[in-house]
Amino acid sequence: QVRLVESGGGLVQAGGSLRLSCVGSGTAFNLNDMRWFRQAPGNQREQVARISSRYGSTYVSDSVKGRFTISGDNAKNTVYLQMNGLKPEDTGVYYCNTILDGVDYWGQGTQVTVSS
């Protein structure tokens, strides 16, 4: 059974930083792509970053490029999302995700609130 647990969210002023963590169990992160999504009230869930430890590649969406960085620690089965230069529009619930054998797995989410 795959389990993902996010942490690190909180309330921060615009321009501030947060680092989100996603700790996984039940799967080897170095074999799966890991993703961060976010969902603001009334909006669809959107992917903001992805990391493939297996191939050493990362992706961040245009909306966060230059401000967010995704990284991973395979030994700790943990994926991070470093968020700098936060804006009010970054507010939302951030979720960690992976797909294993065609099944989507999600964490419970962590709330990020950016005040102006």
C-alpha atoms as a PDB file:
ATOM      1  CA  GLN A   1       0.000   0.000   0.000  1.00  0.00           C
ATOM      2  CA  VAL A   2       1.444   3.353  -1.077  1.00  0.00           C
ATOM      3  CA  ARG A   3       1.115   6.171   1.428  1.00  0.00           C
ATOM      4  CA  LEU A   4       2.115   9.791   0.899  1.00  0.00           C
ATOM      5  CA  VAL A   5       2.247  12.364   3.702  1.00  0.00           C
ATOM      6  CA  GLU A   6       2.787  16.054   3.019  1.00  0.00           C
ATOM      7  CA  SER A   7       3.948  18.672   5.491  1.00  0.00           C
ATOM      8  CA  GLY A   8       5.419  22.154   5.575  1.00  0.00           C
ATOM      9  CA  GLY A   9       2.466  24.306   4.616  1.00  0.00           C
ATOM     10  CA  GLY A  10       1.453  27.397   6.507  1.00  0.00           C
ATOM     11  CA  LEU A  11       0.689  31.097   6.378  1.00  0.00           C
ATOM     12  CA  VAL A  12       3.308  33.357   4.862  1.00  0.00           C
ATOM     13  CA  GLN A  13       3.450  36.901   3.571  1.00  0.00           C
ATOM     14  CA  ALA A  14       3.893  37.626  -0.107  1.00  0.00           C
ATOM     15  CA  GLY A  15       7.535  37.335  -1.067  1.00  0.00           C
ATOM     16  CA  GLY A  16       8.203  34.727   1.601  1.00  0.00           C
ATOM     17  CA  SER A  17       9.295  31.106   1.302  1.00  0.00           C
ATOM     18  CA  LEU A  18       8.120  27.685   2.350  1.00  0.00           C
ATOM     19  CA  ARG A  19       9.478  24.193   1.830  1.00  0.00           C
ATOM     20  CA  LEU A  20       6.992  21.386   1.456  1.00  0.00           C
ATOM     21  CA  SER A  21       7.928  17.771   2.102  1.00  0.00           C
ATOM     22  CA  CYS A  22       6.289  14.577   0.931  1.00  0.00           C
ATOM     23  CA  VAL A  23       7.330  11.362   2.654  1.00  0.00           C
ATOM     24  CA  GLY A  24       6.351   8.143   0.961  1.00  0.00           C
ATOM     25  CA  SER A  25       6.068   4.544   1.981  1.00  0.00           C
ATOM     26  CA  GLY A  26       5.157   1.399   0.113  1.00  0.00           C
ATOM     27  CA  THR A  27       7.055   2.269  -3.036  1.00  0.00           C
ATOM     28  CA  ALA A  28      10.553   3.193  -4.065  1.00  0.00           C
ATOM     29  CA  PHE A  29      10.607   6.842  -5.094  1.00  0.00           C
ATOM     30  CA  ASN A  30      13.607   6.304  -7.290  1.00  0.00           C
ATOM     31  CA  LEU A  31      11.431   4.220  -9.607  1.00  0.00           C
ATOM     32  CA  ASN A  32       8.439   6.551  -9.838  1.00  0.00           C
ATOM     33  CA  ASP A  33       7.821  10.030 -11.106  1.00  0.00           C
ATOM     34  CA  MET A  34       6.670  12.212  -8.214  1.00  0.00           C
ATOM     35  CA  ARG A  35       4.475  15.236  -8.685  1.00  0.00           C
ATOM     36  CA  TRP A  36       3.244  18.236  -6.755  1.00  0.00           C
ATOM     37  CA  PHE A  37      -0.226  19.551  -7.502  1.00  0.00           C
ATOM     38  CA  ARG A  38      -2.146  22.415  -5.998  1.00  0.00           C
ATOM     39  CA  GLN A  39      -5.783  23.325  -5.800  1.00  0.00           C
ATOM     40  CA  ALA A  40      -7.194  26.737  -4.992  1.00  0.00           C
ATOM     41  CA  PRO A  41     -10.839  27.124  -3.909  1.00  0.00           C
ATOM     42  CA  GLY A  42     -13.111  26.908  -6.938  1.00  0.00           C
ATOM     43  CA  ASN A  43     -10.266  25.860  -9.226  1.00  0.00           C
ATOM     44  CA  GLN A  44      -9.205  22.575 -10.725  1.00  0.00           C
ATOM     45  CA  ARG A  45      -6.194  20.779  -9.363  1.00  0.00           C
ATOM     46  CA  GLU A  46      -3.108  21.739 -11.372  1.00  0.00           C
ATOM     47  CA  GLN A  47       0.319  20.187 -11.594  1.00  0.00           C
ATOM     48  CA  VAL A  48       3.085  22.552 -10.543  1.00  0.00           C
ATOM     49  CA  ALA A  49       6.156  20.301 -10.529  1.00  0.00           C
ATOM     50  CA  ARG A  50       7.380  16.830 -11.363  1.00  0.00           C
ATOM     51  CA  ILE A  51      10.591  14.926 -10.721  1.00  0.00           C
ATOM     52  CA  SER A  52      11.883  11.741 -12.229  1.00  0.00           C
ATOM     53  CA  SER A  53      14.655  10.489 -10.020  1.00  0.00           C
ATOM     54  CA  ARG A  54      15.141   7.566 -12.342  1.00  0.00           C
ATOM     55  CA  TYR A  55      16.042   9.831 -15.242  1.00  0.00           C
ATOM     56  CA  GLY A  56      17.293  12.826 -13.320  1.00  0.00           C
ATOM     57  CA  SER A  57      14.803  15.231 -14.840  1.00  0.00           C
ATOM     58  CA  THR A  58      12.522  17.866 -13.349  1.00  0.00           C
ATOM     59  CA  TYR A  59       9.654  20.004 -14.582  1.00  0.00           C
ATOM     60  CA  VAL A  60       7.926  23.062 -13.147  1.00  0.00           C
ATOM     61  CA  SER A  61       4.924  24.828 -14.604  1.00  0.00           C
ATOM     62  CA  ASP A  62       5.254  28.239 -16.200  1.00  0.00           C
ATOM     63  CA  SER A  63       3.263  29.792 -13.357  1.00  0.00           C
ATOM     64  CA  VAL A  64       5.979  28.909 -10.819  1.00  0.00           C
ATOM     65  CA  LYS A  65       9.095  28.773 -12.979  1.00  0.00           C
ATOM     66  CA  GLY A  66      11.997  30.614 -11.429  1.00  0.00           C
ATOM     67  CA  ARG A  67      10.368  30.542  -7.992  1.00  0.00           C
ATOM     68  CA  PHE A  68       9.680  26.871  -7.166  1.00  0.00           C
ATOM     69  CA  THR A  69      12.170  24.009  -7.193  1.00  0.00           C
ATOM     70  CA  ILE A  70      11.425  20.307  -6.851  1.00  0.00           C
ATOM     71  CA  SER A  71      13.992  17.910  -5.480  1.00  0.00           C
ATOM     72  CA  GLY A  72      14.154  14.467  -3.964  1.00  0.00           C
ATOM     73  CA  ASP A  73      16.067  12.396  -1.465  1.00  0.00           C
ATOM     74  CA  ASN A  74      15.761   8.754  -2.456  1.00  0.00           C
ATOM     75  CA  ALA A  75      17.400   7.535   0.744  1.00  0.00           C
ATOM     76  CA  LYS A  76      14.638   9.241   2.747  1.00  0.00           C
ATOM     77  CA  ASN A  77      11.874   8.499   0.231  1.00  0.00           C
ATOM     78  CA  THR A  78      11.090  12.196   0.367  1.00  0.00           C
ATOM     79  CA  VAL A  79      10.279  14.781  -2.274  1.00  0.00           C
ATOM     80  CA  TYR A  80      10.530  18.498  -1.572  1.00  0.00           C
ATOM     81  CA  LEU A  81       9.017  21.596  -3.089  1.00  0.00           C
ATOM     82  CA  GLN A  82      10.994  24.727  -2.296  1.00  0.00           C
ATOM     83  CA  MET A  83       8.776  27.734  -2.865  1.00  0.00           C
ATOM     84  CA  ASN A  84      10.348  31.188  -2.966  1.00  0.00           C
ATOM     85  CA  GLY A  85       8.884  34.531  -3.905  1.00  0.00           C
ATOM     86  CA  LEU A  86       5.411  33.368  -2.929  1.00  0.00           C
ATOM     87  CA  LYS A  87       2.425  35.265  -4.287  1.00  0.00           C
ATOM     88  CA  PRO A  88      -1.196  35.389  -3.086  1.00  0.00           C
ATOM     89  CA  GLU A  89      -2.172  33.388  -6.176  1.00  0.00           C
ATOM     90  CA  ASP A  90      -0.028  30.508  -4.905  1.00  0.00           C
ATOM     91  CA  THR A  91      -2.567  29.993  -2.131  1.00  0.00           C
ATOM     92  CA  GLY A  92      -4.152  26.561  -2.104  1.00  0.00           C
ATOM     93  CA  VAL A  93      -3.862  22.999  -0.895  1.00  0.00           C
ATOM     94  CA  TYR A  94      -0.727  21.305  -2.149  1.00  0.00           C
ATOM     95  CA  TYR A  95      -0.793  17.595  -2.847  1.00  0.00           C
ATOM     96  CA  CYS A  96       1.890  15.032  -3.497  1.00  0.00           C
ATOM     97  CA  ASN A  97       1.141  12.419  -6.145  1.00  0.00           C
ATOM     98  CA  THR A  98       2.562   9.341  -7.756  1.00  0.00           C
ATOM     99  CA  ILE A  99       1.261   6.739 -10.163  1.00  0.00           C
ATOM    100  CA  LEU A 100       2.064   3.099  -9.594  1.00  0.00           C
ATOM    101  CA  ASP A 101       0.797   0.338 -11.852  1.00  0.00           C
ATOM    102  CA  GLY A 102      -1.747   2.721 -13.322  1.00  0.00           C
ATOM    103  CA  VAL A 103      -3.156   3.752  -9.948  1.00  0.00           C
ATOM    104  CA  ASP A 104      -3.043   7.367  -8.740  1.00  0.00           C
ATOM    105  CA  TYR A 105      -1.937   7.880  -5.146  1.00  0.00           C
ATOM    106  CA  TRP A 106      -2.421  11.162  -3.295  1.00  0.00           C
ATOM    107  CA  GLY A 107      -1.454  12.550   0.048  1.00  0.00           C
ATOM    108  CA  GLN A 108      -3.910  14.365   2.297  1.00  0.00           C
ATOM    109  CA  GLY A 109      -2.578  17.750   1.235  1.00  0.00           C
ATOM    110  CA  THR A 110      -1.026  20.663   3.070  1.00  0.00           C
ATOM    111  CA  GLN A 111      -2.505  24.171   3.103  1.00  0.00           C
ATOM    112  CA  VAL A 112      -0.443  27.088   1.827  1.00  0.00           C
ATOM    113  CA  THR A 113      -1.820  30.578   2.392  1.00  0.00           C
ATOM    114  CA  VAL A 114      -0.012  33.637   1.082  1.00  0.00           C
ATOM    115  CA  SER A 115      -1.179  36.997   2.382  1.00  0.00           C
ATOM    116  CA  SER A 116      -0.720  40.207   0.440  1.00  0.00           C
END
